[in-house]
PDB file of N, CA and C in Angstrom:
ATOM      1  N   MET A   1       0.802  -1.199   0.000  1.00  0.00           N
ATOM      2  CA  MET A   1       0.000   0.000   0.000  1.00  0.00           C
ATOM      3  C   MET A   1       0.838   1.253   0.000  1.00  0.00           C
ATOM      4  N   SER A   2       1.992   1.161   0.598  1.00  0.00           N
ATOM      5  CA  SER A   2       2.866   2.327   0.636  1.00  0.00           C
ATOM      6  C   SER A   2       3.707   2.363  -0.626  1.00  0.00           C
ATOM      7  N   ALA A   3       3.785   3.516  -1.224  1.00  0.00           N
ATOM      8  CA  ALA A   3       4.625   3.705  -2.405  1.00  0.00           C
ATOM      9  C   ALA A   3       5.643   4.777  -2.064  1.00  0.00           C
ATOM     10  N   PRO A   4       6.925   4.382  -1.925  1.00  0.00           N
ATOM     11  CA  PRO A   4       7.927   5.384  -1.537  1.00  0.00           C
ATOM     12  C   PRO A   4       7.872   6.626  -2.422  1.00  0.00           C
ATOM     13  N   HIS A   5       8.036   7.751  -1.821  1.00  0.00           N
ATOM     14  CA  HIS A   5       8.053   9.060  -2.480  1.00  0.00           C
ATOM     15  C   HIS A   5       6.687   9.503  -2.985  1.00  0.00           C
ATOM     16  N   ALA A   6       5.635   8.756  -2.648  1.00  0.00           N
ATOM     17  CA  ALA A   6       4.289   9.180  -3.012  1.00  0.00           C
ATOM     18  C   ALA A   6       3.789  10.154  -1.952  1.00  0.00           C
ATOM     19  N   ALA A   7       2.991  11.101  -2.378  1.00  0.00           N
ATOM     20  CA  ALA A   7       2.448  12.096  -1.447  1.00  0.00           C
ATOM     21  C   ALA A   7       1.428  11.458  -0.526  1.00  0.00           C
ATOM     22  N   GLY A   8       1.204  12.079   0.602  1.00  0.00           N
ATOM     23  CA  GLY A   8       0.153  11.640   1.503  1.00  0.00           C
ATOM     24  C   GLY A   8       0.672  11.009   2.772  1.00  0.00           C
ATOM     25  N   TYR A   9      -0.254  10.441   3.519  1.00  0.00           N
ATOM     26  CA  TYR A   9       0.035   9.819   4.800  1.00  0.00           C
ATOM     27  C   TYR A   9      -0.503   8.402   4.813  1.00  0.00           C
ATOM     28  N   LEU A  10       0.312   7.490   5.296  1.00  0.00           N
ATOM     29  CA  LEU A  10      -0.135   6.120   5.502  1.00  0.00           C
ATOM     30  C   LEU A  10      -0.828   6.091   6.857  1.00  0.00           C
ATOM     31  N   LEU A  11      -2.092   5.700   6.877  1.00  0.00           N
ATOM     32  CA  LEU A  11      -2.849   5.642   8.122  1.00  0.00           C
ATOM     33  C   LEU A  11      -2.869   4.209   8.633  1.00  0.00           C
ATOM     34  N   VAL A  12      -2.547   4.054   9.920  1.00  0.00           N
ATOM     35  CA  VAL A  12      -2.535   2.735  10.542  1.00  0.00           C
ATOM     36  C   VAL A  12      -3.311   2.800  11.851  1.00  0.00           C
ATOM     37  N   ARG A  13      -3.790   1.641  12.263  1.00  0.00           N
ATOM     38  CA  ARG A  13      -4.455   1.550  13.560  1.00  0.00           C
ATOM     39  C   ARG A  13      -3.513   0.784  14.488  1.00  0.00           C
ATOM     40  N   ARG A  14      -3.311   1.327  15.704  1.00  0.00           N
ATOM     41  CA  ARG A  14      -2.437   0.698  16.687  1.00  0.00           C
ATOM     42  C   ARG A  14      -2.779   1.256  18.064  1.00  0.00           C
ATOM     43  N   ALA A  15      -2.767   0.397  19.067  1.00  0.00           N
ATOM     44  CA  ALA A  15      -2.988   0.805  20.459  1.00  0.00           C
ATOM     45  C   ALA A  15      -4.282   1.599  20.619  1.00  0.00           C
ATOM     46  N   GLY A  16      -5.314   1.205  19.883  1.00  0.00           N
ATOM     47  CA  GLY A  16      -6.614   1.846  20.018  1.00  0.00           C
ATOM     48  C   GLY A  16      -6.777   3.173  19.316  1.00  0.00           C
ATOM     49  N   GLY A  17      -5.755   3.603  18.552  1.00  0.00           N
ATOM     50  CA  GLY A  17      -5.841   4.889  17.869  1.00  0.00           C
ATOM     51  C   GLY A  17      -5.486   4.783  16.400  1.00  0.00           C
ATOM     52  N   VAL A  18      -5.702   5.875  15.697  1.00  0.00           N
ATOM     53  CA  VAL A  18      -5.332   5.971  14.281  1.00  0.00           C
ATOM     54  C   VAL A  18      -4.148   6.921  14.195  1.00  0.00           C
ATOM     55  N   TRP A  19      -3.119   6.476  13.493  1.00  0.00           N
ATOM     56  CA  TRP A  19      -1.859   7.203  13.388  1.00  0.00           C
ATOM     57  C   TRP A  19      -1.554   7.451  11.920  1.00  0.00           C
ATOM     58  N   GLY A  20      -0.969   8.589  11.622  1.00  0.00           N
ATOM     59  CA  GLY A  20      -0.575   8.930  10.260  1.00  0.00           C
ATOM     60  C   GLY A  20       0.933   9.108  10.182  1.00  0.00           C
ATOM     61  N   ILE A  21       1.530   8.482   9.180  1.00  0.00           N
ATOM     62  CA  ILE A  21       2.970   8.589   8.958  1.00  0.00           C
ATOM     63  C   ILE A  21       3.166   9.063   7.527  1.00  0.00           C
ATOM     64  N   ALA A  22       4.003  10.075   7.330  1.00  0.00           N
ATOM     65  CA  ALA A  22       4.260  10.563   5.970  1.00  0.00           C
ATOM     66  C   ALA A  22       4.646   9.381   5.093  1.00  0.00           C
ATOM     67  N   ASN A  23       3.909   9.171   4.035  1.00  0.00           N
ATOM     68  CA  ASN A  23       4.109   8.013   3.175  1.00  0.00           C
ATOM     69  C   ASN A  23       5.536   7.944   2.635  1.00  0.00           C
ATOM     70  N   GLU A  24       6.128   9.086   2.355  1.00  0.00           N
ATOM     71  CA  GLU A  24       7.484   9.096   1.805  1.00  0.00           C
ATOM     72  C   GLU A  24       8.516   8.610   2.820  1.00  0.00           C
ATOM     73  N   ALA A  25       8.166   8.579   4.123  1.00  0.00           N
ATOM     74  CA  ALA A  25       9.091   8.110   5.157  1.00  0.00           C
ATOM     75  C   ALA A  25       9.025   6.592   5.351  1.00  0.00           C
ATOM     76  N   VAL A  26       8.017   5.949   4.760  1.00  0.00           N
ATOM     77  CA  VAL A  26       7.842   4.499   4.908  1.00  0.00           C
ATOM     78  C   VAL A  26       8.633   3.799   3.809  1.00  0.00           C
ATOM     79  N   SER A  27       9.634   3.012   4.231  1.00  0.00           N
ATOM     80  CA  SER A  27      10.472   2.323   3.236  1.00  0.00           C
ATOM     81  C   SER A  27      10.207   0.832   3.172  1.00  0.00           C
ATOM     82  N   GLY A  28       9.414   0.303   4.092  1.00  0.00           N
ATOM     83  CA  GLY A  28       9.096  -1.121   4.051  1.00  0.00           C
ATOM     84  C   GLY A  28       7.804  -1.420   4.774  1.00  0.00           C
ATOM     85  N   LEU A  29       7.108  -2.452   4.299  1.00  0.00           N
ATOM     86  CA  LEU A  29       5.845  -2.855   4.906  1.00  0.00           C
ATOM     87  C   LEU A  29       5.721  -4.359   4.725  1.00  0.00           C
ATOM     88  N   ALA A  30       5.498  -5.096   5.820  1.00  0.00           N
ATOM     89  CA  ALA A  30       5.382  -6.547   5.729  1.00  0.00           C
ATOM     90  C   ALA A  30       4.332  -7.049   6.710  1.00  0.00           C
ATOM     91  N   ARG A  31       3.633  -8.089   6.304  1.00  0.00           N
ATOM     92  CA  ARG A  31       2.669  -8.765   7.182  1.00  0.00           C
ATOM     93  C   ARG A  31       3.471  -9.520   8.226  1.00  0.00           C
ATOM     94  N   ASP A  32       3.025  -9.469   9.486  1.00  0.00           N
ATOM     95  CA  ASP A  32       3.744 -10.149  10.556  1.00  0.00           C
ATOM     96  C   ASP A  32       2.731 -10.711  11.547  1.00  0.00           C
ATOM     97  N   GLY A  33       2.445 -11.988  11.430  1.00  0.00           N
ATOM     98  CA  GLY A  33       1.450 -12.590  12.324  1.00  0.00           C
ATOM     99  C   GLY A  33       0.088 -11.974  12.113  1.00  0.00           C
ATOM    100  N   ARG A  34      -0.452 -11.391  13.174  1.00  0.00           N
ATOM    101  CA  ARG A  34      -1.781 -10.771  13.096  1.00  0.00           C
ATOM    102  C   ARG A  34      -1.752  -9.320  12.664  1.00  0.00           C
ATOM    103  N   GLY A  35      -0.560  -8.738  12.523  1.00  0.00           N
ATOM    104  CA  GLY A  35      -0.460  -7.328  12.182  1.00  0.00           C
ATOM    105  C   GLY A  35       0.567  -7.068  11.103  1.00  0.00           C
ATOM    106  N   TYR A  36       1.169  -5.896  11.165  1.00  0.00           N
ATOM    107  CA  TYR A  36       2.122  -5.450  10.147  1.00  0.00           C
ATOM    108  C   TYR A  36       3.346  -4.842  10.812  1.00  0.00           C
ATOM    109  N   ARG A  37       4.457  -4.923  10.111  1.00  0.00           N
ATOM    110  CA  ARG A  37       5.681  -4.221  10.503  1.00  0.00           C
ATOM    111  C   ARG A  37       6.018  -3.244   9.395  1.00  0.00           C
ATOM    112  N   LEU A  38       6.316  -2.021   9.773  1.00  0.00           N
ATOM    113  CA  LEU A  38       6.692  -0.989   8.811  1.00  0.00           C
ATOM    114  C   LEU A  38       8.078  -0.485   9.172  1.00  0.00           C
ATOM    115  N   THR A  39       8.878  -0.207   8.162  1.00  0.00           N
ATOM    116  CA  THR A  39      10.160   0.438   8.380  1.00  0.00           C
ATOM    117  C   THR A  39       9.969   1.910   8.053  1.00  0.00           C
ATOM    118  N   VAL A  40      10.308   2.754   9.020  1.00  0.00           N
ATOM    119  CA  VAL A  40      10.060   4.189   8.906  1.00  0.00           C
ATOM    120  C   VAL A  40      11.358   4.945   9.169  1.00  0.00           C
ATOM    121  N   GLY A  41      11.582   5.989   8.398  1.00  0.00           N
ATOM    122  CA  GLY A  41      12.751   6.829   8.626  1.00  0.00           C
ATOM    123  C   GLY A  41      14.063   6.089   8.435  1.00  0.00           C
ATOM    124  N   GLY A  42      14.050   5.030   7.656  1.00  0.00           N
ATOM    125  CA  GLY A  42      15.275   4.291   7.359  1.00  0.00           C
ATOM    126  C   GLY A  42      15.510   3.081   8.225  1.00  0.00           C
ATOM    127  N   ASP A  43      15.320   3.194   9.563  1.00  0.00           N
ATOM    128  CA  ASP A  43      15.656   2.051  10.401  1.00  0.00           C
ATOM    129  C   ASP A  43      14.732   1.820  11.591  1.00  0.00           C
ATOM    130  N   VAL A  44      13.726   2.627  11.786  1.00  0.00           N
ATOM    131  CA  VAL A  44      12.793   2.438  12.892  1.00  0.00           C
ATOM    132  C   VAL A  44      11.704   1.467  12.451  1.00  0.00           C
ATOM    133  N   VAL A  45      11.466   0.434  13.261  1.00  0.00           N
ATOM    134  CA  VAL A  45      10.427  -0.536  12.926  1.00  0.00           C
ATOM    135  C   VAL A  45       9.186  -0.220  13.752  1.00  0.00           C
ATOM    136  N   VAL A  46       8.078  -0.066  13.051  1.00  0.00           N
ATOM    137  CA  VAL A  46       6.798   0.311  13.639  1.00  0.00           C
ATOM    138  C   VAL A  46       5.839  -0.860  13.506  1.00  0.00           C
ATOM    139  N   ALA A  47       5.019  -1.083  14.516  1.00  0.00           N
ATOM    140  CA  ALA A  47       4.000  -2.126  14.475  1.00  0.00           C
ATOM    141  C   ALA A  47       2.642  -1.494  14.199  1.00  0.00           C
ATOM    142  N   ALA A  48       1.826  -2.199  13.458  1.00  0.00           N
ATOM    143  CA  ALA A  48       0.464  -1.731  13.190  1.00  0.00           C
ATOM    144  C   ALA A  48      -0.483  -2.926  13.260  1.00  0.00           C
ATOM    145  N   ASP A  49      -1.645  -2.708  13.832  1.00  0.00           N
ATOM    146  CA  ASP A  49      -2.659  -3.751  13.889  1.00  0.00           C
ATOM    147  C   ASP A  49      -3.406  -3.849  12.564  1.00  0.00           C
ATOM    148  N   GLU A  50      -3.548  -2.700  11.909  1.00  0.00           N
ATOM    149  CA  GLU A  50      -4.315  -2.631  10.662  1.00  0.00           C
ATOM    150  C   GLU A  50      -3.777  -1.491   9.808  1.00  0.00           C
ATOM    151  N   ILE A  51      -3.716  -1.709   8.505  1.00  0.00           N
ATOM    152  CA  ILE A  51      -3.352  -0.660   7.554  1.00  0.00           C
ATOM    153  C   ILE A  51      -4.655  -0.113   6.984  1.00  0.00           C
ATOM    154  N   LEU A  52      -4.885   1.174   7.146  1.00  0.00           N
ATOM    155  CA  LEU A  52      -6.128   1.783   6.678  1.00  0.00           C
ATOM    156  C   LEU A  52      -6.013   2.352   5.275  1.00  0.00           C
ATOM    157  N   GLY A  53      -4.789   2.663   4.831  1.00  0.00           N
ATOM    158  CA  GLY A  53      -4.584   3.173   3.482  1.00  0.00           C
ATOM    159  C   GLY A  53      -3.776   4.456   3.471  1.00  0.00           C
ATOM    160  N   VAL A  54      -3.541   4.938   2.266  1.00  0.00           N
ATOM    161  CA  VAL A  54      -2.808   6.191   2.071  1.00  0.00           C
ATOM    162  C   VAL A  54      -3.819   7.284   1.758  1.00  0.00           C
ATOM    163  N   VAL A  55      -3.681   8.398   2.466  1.00  0.00           N
ATOM    164  CA  VAL A  55      -4.601   9.520   2.291  1.00  0.00           C
ATOM    165  C   VAL A  55      -3.806  10.735   1.826  1.00  0.00           C
ATOM    166  N   THR A  56      -4.225  11.315   0.722  1.00  0.00           N
ATOM    167  CA  THR A  56      -3.616  12.566   0.268  1.00  0.00           C
ATOM    168  C   THR A  56      -4.535  13.699   0.716  1.00  0.00           C
ATOM    169  N   GLY A  57      -3.978  14.860   0.852  1.00  0.00           N
ATOM    170  CA  GLY A  57      -4.787  16.024   1.211  1.00  0.00           C
ATOM    171  C   GLY A  57      -5.219  16.041   2.665  1.00  0.00           C
ATOM    172  N   LEU A  58      -4.543  15.288   3.522  1.00  0.00           N
ATOM    173  CA  LEU A  58      -4.869  15.303   4.941  1.00  0.00           C
ATOM    174  C   LEU A  58      -4.472  16.669   5.510  1.00  0.00           C
ATOM    175  N   ARG A  59      -5.404  17.320   6.152  1.00  0.00           N
ATOM    176  CA  ARG A  59      -5.129  18.647   6.725  1.00  0.00           C
ATOM    177  C   ARG A  59      -4.571  18.474   8.125  1.00  0.00           C
ATOM    178  N   VAL A  60      -3.263  18.628   8.248  1.00  0.00           N
ATOM    179  CA  VAL A  60      -2.567  18.432   9.519  1.00  0.00           C
ATOM    180  C   VAL A  60      -2.403  19.780  10.210  1.00  0.00           C
ATOM    181  N   ILE A  61      -2.811  19.827  11.463  1.00  0.00           N
ATOM    182  CA  ILE A  61      -2.653  21.051  12.251  1.00  0.00           C
ATOM    183  C   ILE A  61      -1.730  20.745  13.443  1.00  0.00           C
ATOM    184  N   PRO A  62      -1.038  21.749  13.948  1.00  0.00           N
ATOM    185  CA  PRO A  62      -0.153  21.521  15.106  1.00  0.00           C
ATOM    186  C   PRO A  62      -0.957  21.051  16.318  1.00  0.00           C
ATOM    187  N   ALA A  63      -0.313  20.226  17.135  1.00  0.00           N
ATOM    188  CA  ALA A  63      -0.960  19.775  18.376  1.00  0.00           C
ATOM    189  C   ALA A  63      -1.103  20.960  19.327  1.00  0.00           C
ATOM    190  N   ALA A  64      -2.189  20.989  20.048  1.00  0.00           N
ATOM    191  CA  ALA A  64      -2.436  22.068  21.010  1.00  0.00           C
ATOM    192  C   ALA A  64      -1.408  22.012  22.134  1.00  0.00           C
ATOM    193  N   PRO A  65      -1.033  23.154  22.655  1.00  0.00           N
ATOM    194  CA  PRO A  65      -0.079  23.178  23.766  1.00  0.00           C
ATOM    195  C   PRO A  65      -0.510  22.315  24.952  1.00  0.00           C
ATOM    196  N   ALA A  66      -1.814  22.240  25.222  1.00  0.00           N
ATOM    197  CA  ALA A  66      -2.301  21.418  26.333  1.00  0.00           C
ATOM    198  C   ALA A  66      -1.955  19.942  26.111  1.00  0.00           C
ATOM    199  N   LEU A  67      -2.060  19.474  24.893  1.00  0.00           N
ATOM    200  CA  LEU A  67      -1.711  18.087  24.591  1.00  0.00           C
ATOM    201  C   LEU A  67      -0.220  17.861  24.796  1.00  0.00           C
ATOM    202  N   ARG A  68       0.573  18.781  24.319  1.00  0.00           N
ATOM    203  CA  ARG A  68       2.026  18.658  24.483  1.00  0.00           C
ATOM    204  C   ARG A  68       2.428  18.627  25.959  1.00  0.00           C
ATOM    205  N   ARG A  69       1.678  19.320  26.778  1.00  0.00           N
ATOM    206  CA  ARG A  69       1.998  19.379  28.202  1.00  0.00           C
ATOM    207  C   ARG A  69       1.762  18.027  28.886  1.00  0.00           C
ATOM    208  N   PHE A  70       0.756  17.274  28.435  1.00  0.00           N
ATOM    209  CA  PHE A  70       0.411  16.013  29.085  1.00  0.00           C
ATOM    210  C   PHE A  70       0.937  14.779  28.362  1.00  0.00           C
ATOM    211  N   TRP A  71       1.411  14.953  27.151  1.00  0.00           N
ATOM    212  CA  TRP A  71       1.921  13.820  26.383  1.00  0.00           C
ATOM    213  C   TRP A  71       3.373  14.112  26.037  1.00  0.00           C
ATOM    214  N   PRO A  72       4.315  13.429  26.693  1.00  0.00           N
ATOM    215  CA  PRO A  72       5.735  13.744  26.492  1.00  0.00           C
ATOM    216  C   PRO A  72       6.237  13.468  25.069  1.00  0.00           C
ATOM    217  N   GLU A  73       5.582  12.562  24.363  1.00  0.00           N
ATOM    218  CA  GLU A  73       5.988  12.255  22.992  1.00  0.00           C
ATOM    219  C   GLU A  73       5.139  13.085  22.031  1.00  0.00           C
ATOM    220  N   SER A  74       5.484  14.310  21.916  1.00  0.00           N
ATOM    221  CA  SER A  74       4.701  15.260  21.141  1.00  0.00           C
ATOM    222  C   SER A  74       4.557  14.823  19.680  1.00  0.00           C
ATOM    223  N   PRO A  75       3.324  14.787  19.177  1.00  0.00           N
ATOM    224  CA  PRO A  75       3.116  14.414  17.773  1.00  0.00           C
ATOM    225  C   PRO A  75       3.513  15.542  16.828  1.00  0.00           C
ATOM    226  N   ALA A  76       3.688  15.186  15.562  1.00  0.00           N
ATOM    227  CA  ALA A  76       3.983  16.186  14.539  1.00  0.00           C
ATOM    228  C   ALA A  76       2.752  17.037  14.271  1.00  0.00           C
ATOM    229  N   GLY A  77       1.581  16.482  14.532  1.00  0.00           N
ATOM    230  CA  GLY A  77       0.336  17.208  14.326  1.00  0.00           C
ATOM    231  C   GLY A  77      -0.863  16.312  14.534  1.00  0.00           C
ATOM    232  N   MET A  78      -2.024  16.882  14.319  1.00  0.00           N
ATOM    233  CA  MET A  78      -3.291  16.172  14.464  1.00  0.00           C
ATOM    234  C   MET A  78      -4.108  16.406  13.201  1.00  0.00           C
ATOM    235  N   ALA A  79      -4.999  15.466  12.918  1.00  0.00           N
ATOM    236  CA  ALA A  79      -5.875  15.601  11.758  1.00  0.00           C
ATOM    237  C   ALA A  79      -7.159  14.826  12.037  1.00  0.00           C
ATOM    238  N   VAL A  80      -8.109  14.978  11.155  1.00  0.00           N
ATOM    239  CA  VAL A  80      -9.349  14.197  11.203  1.00  0.00           C
ATOM    240  C   VAL A  80      -9.546  13.610   9.820  1.00  0.00           C
ATOM    241  N   HIS A  81      -9.833  12.299   9.782  1.00  0.00           N
ATOM    242  CA  HIS A  81     -10.106  11.638   8.507  1.00  0.00           C
ATOM    243  C   HIS A  81     -11.265  10.673   8.707  1.00  0.00           C
ATOM    244  N   GLY A  82     -12.293  10.818   7.894  1.00  0.00           N
ATOM    245  CA  GLY A  82     -13.462   9.956   8.007  1.00  0.00           C
ATOM    246  C   GLY A  82     -14.104  10.024   9.379  1.00  0.00           C
ATOM    247  N   GLY A  83     -14.026  11.187  10.020  1.00  0.00           N
ATOM    248  CA  GLY A  83     -14.617  11.372  11.328  1.00  0.00           C
ATOM    249  C   GLY A  83     -13.764  10.852  12.477  1.00  0.00           C
ATOM    250  N   LEU A  84     -12.593  10.307  12.177  1.00  0.00           N
ATOM    251  CA  LEU A  84     -11.704   9.774  13.210  1.00  0.00           C
ATOM    252  C   LEU A  84     -10.524  10.706  13.456  1.00  0.00           C
ATOM    253  N   PRO A  85     -10.146  10.895  14.717  1.00  0.00           N
ATOM    254  CA  PRO A  85      -8.951  11.685  14.986  1.00  0.00           C
ATOM    255  C   PRO A  85      -7.708  10.895  14.571  1.00  0.00           C
ATOM    256  N   VAL A  86      -6.745  11.593  14.007  1.00  0.00           N
ATOM    257  CA  VAL A  86      -5.499  10.976  13.547  1.00  0.00           C
ATOM    258  C   VAL A  86      -4.340  11.699  14.221  1.00  0.00           C
ATOM    259  N   VAL A  87      -3.455  10.923  14.842  1.00  0.00           N
ATOM    260  CA  VAL A  87      -2.233  11.479  15.408  1.00  0.00           C
ATOM    261  C   VAL A  87      -1.158  11.332  14.337  1.00  0.00           C
ATOM    262  N   VAL A  88      -0.624  12.438  13.870  1.00  0.00           N
ATOM    263  CA  VAL A  88       0.415  12.421  12.836  1.00  0.00           C
ATOM    264  C   VAL A  88       1.765  12.419  13.543  1.00  0.00           C
ATOM    265  N   VAL A  89       2.583  11.399  13.237  1.00  0.00           N
ATOM    266  CA  VAL A  89       3.854  11.248  13.941  1.00  0.00           C
ATOM    267  C   VAL A  89       5.019  11.759  13.108  1.00  0.00           C
ATOM    268  N   ASP A  90       6.047  12.173  13.818  1.00  0.00           N
ATOM    269  CA  ASP A  90       7.310  12.557  13.202  1.00  0.00           C
ATOM    270  C   ASP A  90       8.085  11.259  12.978  1.00  0.00           C
ATOM    271  N   PRO A  91       8.435  10.920  11.735  1.00  0.00           N
ATOM    272  CA  PRO A  91       9.125   9.655  11.490  1.00  0.00           C
ATOM    273  C   PRO A  91      10.484   9.544  12.177  1.00  0.00           C
ATOM    274  N   LEU A  92      11.038  10.663  12.610  1.00  0.00           N
ATOM    275  CA  LEU A  92      12.316  10.620  13.317  1.00  0.00           C
ATOM    276  C   LEU A  92      12.138  10.479  14.835  1.00  0.00           C
ATOM    277  N   ARG A  93      10.893  10.659  15.317  1.00  0.00           N
ATOM    278  CA  ARG A  93      10.591  10.526  16.750  1.00  0.00           C
ATOM    279  C   ARG A  93       9.295   9.733  16.911  1.00  0.00           C
ATOM    280  N   VAL A  94       9.357   8.462  16.579  1.00  0.00           N
ATOM    281  CA  VAL A  94       8.171   7.608  16.622  1.00  0.00           C
ATOM    282  C   VAL A  94       7.798   7.322  18.085  1.00  0.00           C
ATOM    283  N   PRO A  95       6.534   7.512  18.459  1.00  0.00           N
ATOM    284  CA  PRO A  95       6.103   7.251  19.834  1.00  0.00           C
ATOM    285  C   PRO A  95       6.275   5.779  20.222  1.00  0.00           C
ATOM    286  N   ALA A  96       6.488   5.544  21.493  1.00  0.00           N
ATOM    287  CA  ALA A  96       6.678   4.185  22.006  1.00  0.00           C
ATOM    288  C   ALA A  96       5.492   3.278  21.674  1.00  0.00           C
ATOM    289  N   ALA A  97       4.282   3.823  21.639  1.00  0.00           N
ATOM    290  CA  ALA A  97       3.084   3.024  21.357  1.00  0.00           C
ATOM    291  C   ALA A  97       3.123   2.386  19.964  1.00  0.00           C
ATOM    292  N   LEU A  98       3.914   2.953  19.063  1.00  0.00           N
ATOM    293  CA  LEU A  98       3.995   2.424  17.698  1.00  0.00           C
ATOM    294  C   LEU A  98       5.210   1.533  17.460  1.00  0.00           C
ATOM    295  N   ARG A  99       6.196   1.616  18.310  1.00  0.00           N
ATOM    296  CA  ARG A  99       7.428   0.855  18.076  1.00  0.00           C
ATOM    297  C   ARG A  99       7.190  -0.640  18.198  1.00  0.00           C
ATOM    298  N   TRP A 100       7.797  -1.377  17.273  1.00  0.00           N
ATOM    299  CA  TRP A 100       7.713  -2.827  17.291  1.00  0.00           C
ATOM    300  C   TRP A 100       8.787  -3.347  18.239  1.00  0.00           C
ATOM    301  N   ASN A 101       8.401  -4.277  19.105  1.00  0.00           N
ATOM    302  CA  ASN A 101       9.343  -4.865  20.044  1.00  0.00           C
ATOM    303  C   ASN A 101       9.710  -6.269  19.581  1.00  0.00           C
ATOM    304  N   GLU A 102      10.973  -6.623  19.673  1.00  0.00           N
ATOM    305  CA  GLU A 102      11.458  -7.950  19.281  1.00  0.00           C
ATOM    306  C   GLU A 102      10.595  -9.023  19.935  1.00  0.00           C
ATOM    307  N   GLY A 103      10.201 -10.020  19.144  1.00  0.00           N
ATOM    308  CA  GLY A 103       9.385 -11.127  19.660  1.00  0.00           C
ATOM    309  C   GLY A 103       7.896 -10.827  19.696  1.00  0.00           C
ATOM    310  N   GLU A 104       7.509  -9.646  19.307  1.00  0.00           N
ATOM    311  CA  GLU A 104       6.106  -9.243  19.337  1.00  0.00           C
ATOM    312  C   GLU A 104       5.426  -9.604  18.035  1.00  0.00           C
ATOM    313  N   ASP A 105       4.219 -10.147  18.137  1.00  0.00           N
ATOM    314  CA  ASP A 105       3.353 -10.274  16.967  1.00  0.00           C
ATOM    315  C   ASP A 105       2.725  -8.907  16.819  1.00  0.00           C
ATOM    316  N   ALA A 106       2.880  -8.281  15.661  1.00  0.00           N
ATOM    317  CA  ALA A 106       2.378  -6.914  15.471  1.00  0.00           C
ATOM    318  C   ALA A 106       0.922  -6.781  15.783  1.00  0.00           C
TER     319      ALA A 106
END
């Protein structure tokens, strides 16, 4: 589903939320047990329960200061797609909730 250097955001479901990763930052995607493993930013491995697709034209806005105050892993931004909130992550600072752990079924 991910096409390197294609515009848009790859949307995934993980840890009860919907996350967006710049599609151009995704260099690998593989099925792993019940979920998926994605390679992001060159060497970070991300786990996903479900791949929702690539969305172009996602309107990303900065996270509110209140969110940054309570969430130490500040997102790159927030968006809404299909009525669902989307946390847009910085591919160089992937939140712990998305990181794949050795021995984990995604």
